[in-house]
N, C-alpha and C. Protein backbone atom coordinates (compact mmCIF):
# COMPACT_ATOMS: atom_id res chain seq x y z
N MET A 1 -35.52 38.46 9.05
CA MET A 1 -34.46 37.84 8.29
C MET A 1 -33.58 38.88 7.65
N GLU A 2 -32.35 38.48 7.50
CA GLU A 2 -31.39 39.37 6.88
C GLU A 2 -31.51 39.26 5.38
N ASP A 3 -31.39 40.36 4.72
CA ASP A 3 -31.39 40.33 3.26
C ASP A 3 -30.03 39.86 2.79
N GLN A 4 -30.07 38.91 1.89
CA GLN A 4 -28.82 38.45 1.31
C GLN A 4 -28.64 39.17 -0.01
N LYS A 5 -27.53 39.84 -0.14
CA LYS A 5 -27.26 40.62 -1.34
C LYS A 5 -26.42 39.80 -2.29
N PHE A 6 -26.71 40.00 -3.55
CA PHE A 6 -25.96 39.32 -4.60
C PHE A 6 -24.61 39.99 -4.75
N SER A 7 -23.56 39.16 -4.79
CA SER A 7 -22.23 39.71 -4.90
C SER A 7 -21.45 38.92 -5.95
N PHE A 8 -20.92 39.65 -6.92
CA PHE A 8 -20.11 38.99 -7.95
C PHE A 8 -18.85 38.39 -7.34
N GLN A 9 -18.30 39.05 -6.35
CA GLN A 9 -17.11 38.52 -5.71
C GLN A 9 -17.41 37.21 -4.99
N GLY A 10 -18.56 37.11 -4.35
CA GLY A 10 -18.96 35.87 -3.69
C GLY A 10 -19.15 34.75 -4.70
N VAL A 11 -19.76 35.09 -5.84
CA VAL A 11 -19.97 34.09 -6.89
C VAL A 11 -18.63 33.64 -7.45
N LEU A 12 -17.73 34.58 -7.69
CA LEU A 12 -16.40 34.23 -8.20
C LEU A 12 -15.64 33.37 -7.20
N GLN A 13 -15.78 33.70 -5.92
CA GLN A 13 -15.11 32.89 -4.89
C GLN A 13 -15.65 31.47 -4.88
N LYS A 14 -16.97 31.32 -4.93
CA LYS A 14 -17.59 30.00 -4.95
C LYS A 14 -17.21 29.24 -6.22
N LEU A 15 -17.12 29.95 -7.35
CA LEU A 15 -16.72 29.32 -8.61
C LEU A 15 -15.28 28.82 -8.53
N LYS A 16 -14.39 29.61 -7.93
CA LYS A 16 -13.00 29.19 -7.75
C LYS A 16 -12.93 27.95 -6.84
N GLU A 17 -13.70 27.94 -5.77
CA GLU A 17 -13.74 26.78 -4.88
C GLU A 17 -14.24 25.54 -5.62
N TYR A 18 -15.30 25.74 -6.40
CA TYR A 18 -15.87 24.63 -7.16
C TYR A 18 -14.86 24.06 -8.15
N ILE A 19 -14.17 24.93 -8.87
CA ILE A 19 -13.17 24.48 -9.85
C ILE A 19 -12.03 23.76 -9.13
N GLY A 20 -11.60 24.30 -8.01
CA GLY A 20 -10.53 23.65 -7.24
C GLY A 20 -10.95 22.28 -6.73
N ASN A 21 -12.17 22.20 -6.19
CA ASN A 21 -12.66 20.92 -5.69
C ASN A 21 -12.83 19.90 -6.82
N THR A 22 -13.34 20.36 -7.97
CA THR A 22 -13.51 19.46 -9.11
C THR A 22 -12.16 18.96 -9.60
N ARG A 23 -11.17 19.84 -9.61
CA ARG A 23 -9.81 19.45 -10.03
C ARG A 23 -9.25 18.40 -9.08
N GLU A 24 -9.38 18.65 -7.78
CA GLU A 24 -8.88 17.69 -6.79
C GLU A 24 -9.60 16.35 -6.89
N LEU A 25 -10.92 16.38 -7.09
CA LEU A 25 -11.69 15.15 -7.23
C LEU A 25 -11.25 14.37 -8.47
N THR A 26 -11.01 15.08 -9.57
CA THR A 26 -10.55 14.43 -10.80
C THR A 26 -9.19 13.78 -10.59
N ILE A 27 -8.30 14.48 -9.93
CA ILE A 27 -6.97 13.92 -9.65
C ILE A 27 -7.09 12.68 -8.77
N LEU A 28 -7.93 12.73 -7.75
CA LEU A 28 -8.11 11.57 -6.87
C LEU A 28 -8.71 10.39 -7.62
N ARG A 29 -9.65 10.65 -8.52
CA ARG A 29 -10.22 9.56 -9.32
C ARG A 29 -9.17 8.94 -10.23
N ILE A 30 -8.36 9.78 -10.85
CA ILE A 30 -7.30 9.27 -11.74
C ILE A 30 -6.31 8.44 -10.95
N VAL A 31 -5.90 8.94 -9.78
CA VAL A 31 -4.96 8.20 -8.94
C VAL A 31 -5.57 6.87 -8.52
N GLY A 32 -6.84 6.86 -8.17
CA GLY A 32 -7.52 5.62 -7.78
C GLY A 32 -7.54 4.61 -8.91
N ARG A 33 -7.86 5.06 -10.11
CA ARG A 33 -7.92 4.14 -11.25
C ARG A 33 -6.54 3.64 -11.64
N VAL A 34 -5.55 4.53 -11.62
CA VAL A 34 -4.19 4.11 -11.96
C VAL A 34 -3.67 3.11 -10.92
N SER A 35 -3.97 3.35 -9.66
CA SER A 35 -3.52 2.40 -8.63
C SER A 35 -4.23 1.06 -8.78
N ASP A 36 -5.52 1.07 -9.17
CA ASP A 36 -6.21 -0.19 -9.45
C ASP A 36 -5.55 -0.95 -10.59
N ILE A 37 -5.19 -0.24 -11.64
CA ILE A 37 -4.55 -0.87 -12.79
C ILE A 37 -3.19 -1.42 -12.41
N ILE A 38 -2.40 -0.63 -11.69
CA ILE A 38 -1.06 -1.07 -11.29
C ILE A 38 -1.14 -2.28 -10.36
N SER A 39 -2.04 -2.24 -9.40
CA SER A 39 -2.16 -3.39 -8.48
C SER A 39 -2.63 -4.63 -9.23
N GLY A 40 -3.51 -4.46 -10.21
CA GLY A 40 -3.95 -5.59 -11.02
C GLY A 40 -2.81 -6.18 -11.84
N ILE A 41 -1.99 -5.30 -12.42
CA ILE A 41 -0.84 -5.76 -13.20
C ILE A 41 0.16 -6.50 -12.32
N ILE A 42 0.42 -5.97 -11.14
CA ILE A 42 1.39 -6.60 -10.23
C ILE A 42 0.88 -7.96 -9.76
N THR A 43 -0.39 -8.04 -9.33
CA THR A 43 -0.91 -9.32 -8.85
C THR A 43 -1.01 -10.33 -9.98
N ASP A 44 -1.42 -9.90 -11.18
CA ASP A 44 -1.46 -10.82 -12.31
C ASP A 44 -0.06 -11.27 -12.69
N GLY A 45 0.91 -10.36 -12.63
CA GLY A 45 2.30 -10.71 -12.93
C GLY A 45 2.84 -11.73 -11.94
N LEU A 46 2.57 -11.52 -10.65
CA LEU A 46 3.01 -12.48 -9.64
C LEU A 46 2.34 -13.83 -9.84
N PHE A 47 1.06 -13.81 -10.20
CA PHE A 47 0.36 -15.06 -10.47
C PHE A 47 1.01 -15.81 -11.63
N ILE A 48 1.37 -15.08 -12.67
CA ILE A 48 2.02 -15.70 -13.83
C ILE A 48 3.38 -16.28 -13.44
N ILE A 49 4.16 -15.52 -12.67
CA ILE A 49 5.48 -15.99 -12.26
C ILE A 49 5.38 -17.26 -11.40
N PHE A 50 4.48 -17.24 -10.41
CA PHE A 50 4.33 -18.42 -9.56
C PHE A 50 3.78 -19.61 -10.35
N SER A 51 2.87 -19.35 -11.27
CA SER A 51 2.35 -20.42 -12.12
C SER A 51 3.46 -21.02 -12.96
N PHE A 52 4.36 -20.18 -13.46
CA PHE A 52 5.49 -20.67 -14.24
C PHE A 52 6.35 -21.62 -13.41
N PHE A 53 6.66 -21.23 -12.18
CA PHE A 53 7.50 -22.08 -11.34
C PHE A 53 6.79 -23.39 -10.99
N VAL A 54 5.49 -23.32 -10.73
CA VAL A 54 4.74 -24.55 -10.46
C VAL A 54 4.80 -25.47 -11.67
N LEU A 55 4.57 -24.91 -12.85
CA LEU A 55 4.63 -25.70 -14.08
C LEU A 55 6.03 -26.26 -14.32
N LEU A 56 7.04 -25.46 -14.03
CA LEU A 56 8.42 -25.91 -14.21
C LEU A 56 8.74 -27.11 -13.33
N PHE A 57 8.43 -26.99 -12.03
CA PHE A 57 8.76 -28.07 -11.12
C PHE A 57 7.89 -29.31 -11.36
N LEU A 58 6.64 -29.10 -11.74
CA LEU A 58 5.80 -30.25 -12.09
C LEU A 58 6.32 -30.94 -13.35
N SER A 59 6.81 -30.16 -14.30
CA SER A 59 7.38 -30.74 -15.51
C SER A 59 8.64 -31.54 -15.21
N ILE A 60 9.48 -31.01 -14.34
CA ILE A 60 10.70 -31.74 -13.95
C ILE A 60 10.32 -33.04 -13.24
N SER A 61 9.33 -32.95 -12.33
CA SER A 61 8.88 -34.15 -11.63
C SER A 61 8.30 -35.17 -12.60
N LEU A 62 7.51 -34.70 -13.55
CA LEU A 62 6.92 -35.59 -14.54
C LEU A 62 8.01 -36.22 -15.42
N GLY A 63 9.03 -35.45 -15.73
CA GLY A 63 10.15 -35.99 -16.50
C GLY A 63 10.86 -37.10 -15.77
N PHE A 64 11.10 -36.91 -14.47
CA PHE A 64 11.74 -37.96 -13.69
C PHE A 64 10.81 -39.18 -13.53
N TYR A 65 9.49 -38.91 -13.39
CA TYR A 65 8.55 -40.02 -13.27
C TYR A 65 8.55 -40.87 -14.54
N PHE A 66 8.45 -40.19 -15.70
CA PHE A 66 8.52 -40.94 -16.96
C PHE A 66 9.88 -41.61 -17.13
N GLY A 67 10.92 -40.97 -16.63
CA GLY A 67 12.25 -41.57 -16.68
C GLY A 67 12.31 -42.87 -15.91
N ASP A 68 11.65 -42.91 -14.73
CA ASP A 68 11.58 -44.16 -13.97
C ASP A 68 10.77 -45.22 -14.71
N LEU A 69 9.68 -44.78 -15.36
CA LEU A 69 8.86 -45.74 -16.10
C LEU A 69 9.61 -46.35 -17.28
N PHE A 70 10.37 -45.51 -17.98
CA PHE A 70 11.08 -45.96 -19.18
C PHE A 70 12.52 -46.40 -18.89
N ASP A 71 12.92 -46.35 -17.64
CA ASP A 71 14.30 -46.66 -17.23
C ASP A 71 15.33 -45.80 -17.95
N SER A 72 14.93 -44.58 -18.30
CA SER A 72 15.84 -43.65 -18.97
C SER A 72 15.34 -42.23 -18.73
N ASN A 73 16.14 -41.44 -18.01
CA ASN A 73 15.73 -40.05 -17.76
C ASN A 73 15.59 -39.26 -19.05
N SER A 74 16.45 -39.52 -20.02
CA SER A 74 16.37 -38.77 -21.27
C SER A 74 15.05 -39.06 -21.99
N LEU A 75 14.59 -40.31 -21.97
CA LEU A 75 13.28 -40.62 -22.58
C LEU A 75 12.14 -39.98 -21.79
N GLY A 76 12.29 -39.90 -20.48
CA GLY A 76 11.27 -39.25 -19.66
C GLY A 76 11.13 -37.78 -20.00
N PHE A 77 12.25 -37.07 -20.10
CA PHE A 77 12.19 -35.65 -20.44
C PHE A 77 11.80 -35.43 -21.89
N LEU A 78 12.16 -36.36 -22.76
CA LEU A 78 11.73 -36.30 -24.16
C LEU A 78 10.21 -36.44 -24.25
N THR A 79 9.64 -37.28 -23.42
CA THR A 79 8.18 -37.45 -23.39
C THR A 79 7.50 -36.16 -22.93
N VAL A 80 8.03 -35.57 -21.88
CA VAL A 80 7.46 -34.30 -21.39
C VAL A 80 7.58 -33.22 -22.46
N GLY A 81 8.72 -33.16 -23.13
CA GLY A 81 8.90 -32.20 -24.22
C GLY A 81 7.92 -32.45 -25.35
N SER A 82 7.66 -33.70 -25.64
CA SER A 82 6.69 -34.04 -26.69
C SER A 82 5.28 -33.60 -26.31
N ILE A 83 4.95 -33.74 -25.03
CA ILE A 83 3.64 -33.28 -24.55
C ILE A 83 3.51 -31.78 -24.76
N TYR A 84 4.58 -31.03 -24.46
CA TYR A 84 4.54 -29.58 -24.66
C TYR A 84 4.45 -29.22 -26.14
N ILE A 85 5.11 -29.98 -26.99
CA ILE A 85 4.99 -29.74 -28.44
C ILE A 85 3.55 -29.97 -28.89
N LEU A 86 2.91 -31.00 -28.35
CA LEU A 86 1.50 -31.25 -28.65
C LEU A 86 0.64 -30.07 -28.20
N PHE A 87 0.90 -29.57 -26.99
CA PHE A 87 0.16 -28.40 -26.50
C PHE A 87 0.36 -27.19 -27.41
N LEU A 88 1.60 -26.98 -27.88
CA LEU A 88 1.88 -25.87 -28.79
C LEU A 88 1.12 -26.01 -30.11
N LEU A 89 1.05 -27.21 -30.63
CA LEU A 89 0.29 -27.43 -31.86
C LEU A 89 -1.19 -27.14 -31.67
N ILE A 90 -1.74 -27.59 -30.55
CA ILE A 90 -3.15 -27.30 -30.24
C ILE A 90 -3.36 -25.80 -30.09
N LEU A 91 -2.42 -25.15 -29.43
CA LEU A 91 -2.50 -23.69 -29.25
C LEU A 91 -2.45 -22.97 -30.60
N LYS A 92 -1.60 -23.43 -31.49
CA LYS A 92 -1.48 -22.83 -32.82
C LYS A 92 -2.78 -22.99 -33.61
N ILE A 93 -3.41 -24.16 -33.50
CA ILE A 93 -4.65 -24.41 -34.21
C ILE A 93 -5.79 -23.54 -33.66
N CYS A 94 -5.85 -23.38 -32.36
CA CYS A 94 -6.94 -22.64 -31.70
C CYS A 94 -6.59 -21.19 -31.40
N LYS A 95 -5.56 -20.65 -32.02
CA LYS A 95 -5.04 -19.33 -31.67
C LYS A 95 -6.09 -18.23 -31.79
N LYS A 96 -6.82 -18.19 -32.90
CA LYS A 96 -7.80 -17.11 -33.10
C LYS A 96 -8.90 -17.15 -32.04
N ARG A 97 -9.41 -18.34 -31.73
CA ARG A 97 -10.47 -18.46 -30.73
C ARG A 97 -9.97 -18.06 -29.35
N ILE A 98 -8.75 -18.47 -29.02
CA ILE A 98 -8.17 -18.13 -27.72
C ILE A 98 -7.95 -16.62 -27.61
N GLU A 99 -7.43 -16.00 -28.68
CA GLU A 99 -7.22 -14.54 -28.67
C GLU A 99 -8.54 -13.81 -28.49
N LYS A 100 -9.58 -14.26 -29.18
CA LYS A 100 -10.89 -13.62 -29.07
C LYS A 100 -11.42 -13.72 -27.64
N ASN A 101 -11.29 -14.89 -27.04
CA ASN A 101 -11.75 -15.06 -25.66
C ASN A 101 -10.94 -14.23 -24.68
N LEU A 102 -9.63 -14.12 -24.89
CA LEU A 102 -8.79 -13.30 -24.01
C LEU A 102 -9.13 -11.82 -24.14
N ILE A 103 -9.40 -11.37 -25.35
CA ILE A 103 -9.80 -9.97 -25.56
C ILE A 103 -11.11 -9.69 -24.84
N ASN A 104 -12.08 -10.58 -25.00
CA ASN A 104 -13.37 -10.39 -24.33
C ASN A 104 -13.21 -10.41 -22.82
N LEU A 105 -12.37 -11.31 -22.31
CA LEU A 105 -12.13 -11.40 -20.87
C LEU A 105 -11.50 -10.12 -20.34
N SER A 106 -10.50 -9.59 -21.06
CA SER A 106 -9.83 -8.38 -20.58
C SER A 106 -10.77 -7.18 -20.64
N ILE A 107 -11.62 -7.10 -21.65
CA ILE A 107 -12.58 -6.00 -21.73
C ILE A 107 -13.58 -6.09 -20.58
N ARG A 108 -14.09 -7.31 -20.33
CA ARG A 108 -15.02 -7.49 -19.21
C ARG A 108 -14.37 -7.12 -17.88
N LYS A 109 -13.12 -7.55 -17.69
CA LYS A 109 -12.42 -7.25 -16.44
C LYS A 109 -12.22 -5.76 -16.28
N PHE A 110 -11.86 -5.07 -17.37
CA PHE A 110 -11.66 -3.63 -17.31
C PHE A 110 -12.95 -2.92 -16.92
N PHE A 111 -14.06 -3.29 -17.57
CA PHE A 111 -15.31 -2.60 -17.27
C PHE A 111 -15.86 -2.97 -15.89
N ASN A 112 -15.59 -4.20 -15.42
CA ASN A 112 -15.98 -4.54 -14.05
C ASN A 112 -15.23 -3.69 -13.05
N LYS A 113 -13.92 -3.50 -13.28
CA LYS A 113 -13.13 -2.62 -12.40
C LYS A 113 -13.66 -1.20 -12.44
N LEU A 114 -14.00 -0.76 -13.65
CA LEU A 114 -14.51 0.60 -13.82
C LEU A 114 -15.83 0.77 -13.08
N ASN A 115 -16.72 -0.22 -13.19
CA ASN A 115 -18.01 -0.16 -12.48
C ASN A 115 -17.84 -0.24 -10.97
N GLU A 116 -16.87 -1.06 -10.51
CA GLU A 116 -16.62 -1.15 -9.08
C GLU A 116 -16.14 0.17 -8.52
N SER A 117 -15.27 0.86 -9.27
CA SER A 117 -14.77 2.14 -8.78
C SER A 117 -15.86 3.20 -8.82
N ASP A 118 -16.77 3.12 -9.78
CA ASP A 118 -17.88 4.07 -9.84
C ASP A 118 -18.89 3.81 -8.73
N ASP A 119 -19.11 2.53 -8.38
CA ASP A 119 -20.07 2.19 -7.33
C ASP A 119 -19.58 2.57 -5.95
N SER A 120 -18.27 2.63 -5.75
CA SER A 120 -17.73 2.94 -4.44
C SER A 120 -17.75 4.43 -4.12
N LYS A 121 -18.20 5.24 -5.04
CA LYS A 121 -18.20 6.70 -4.82
C LYS A 121 -19.34 7.11 -3.92
């Protein structure tokens, strides 16, 4: 067998490679997590936008339906508006509980994403 001699230059070279590889790995992990966050924000945003349009058109349809029932479109839309005012009052009463649940949900979602990205390594 060949004798392997200790070389400070070899150690320095390996240390430089290790630092470079660690830096690249850190950058790739950051890019992966940022892309996960951005894709989550975009998909959640699209979901909110489409949900808004569904709610809008269903509200218009409900307004016309109530308008046919009451023989007055203005009464139909007033009824739909009253339903939304009722929802707002319920939301105002339950605001603290809803905020607490949303905070817990977002924390759970964040850590699930974090664990998924760690498991895929």
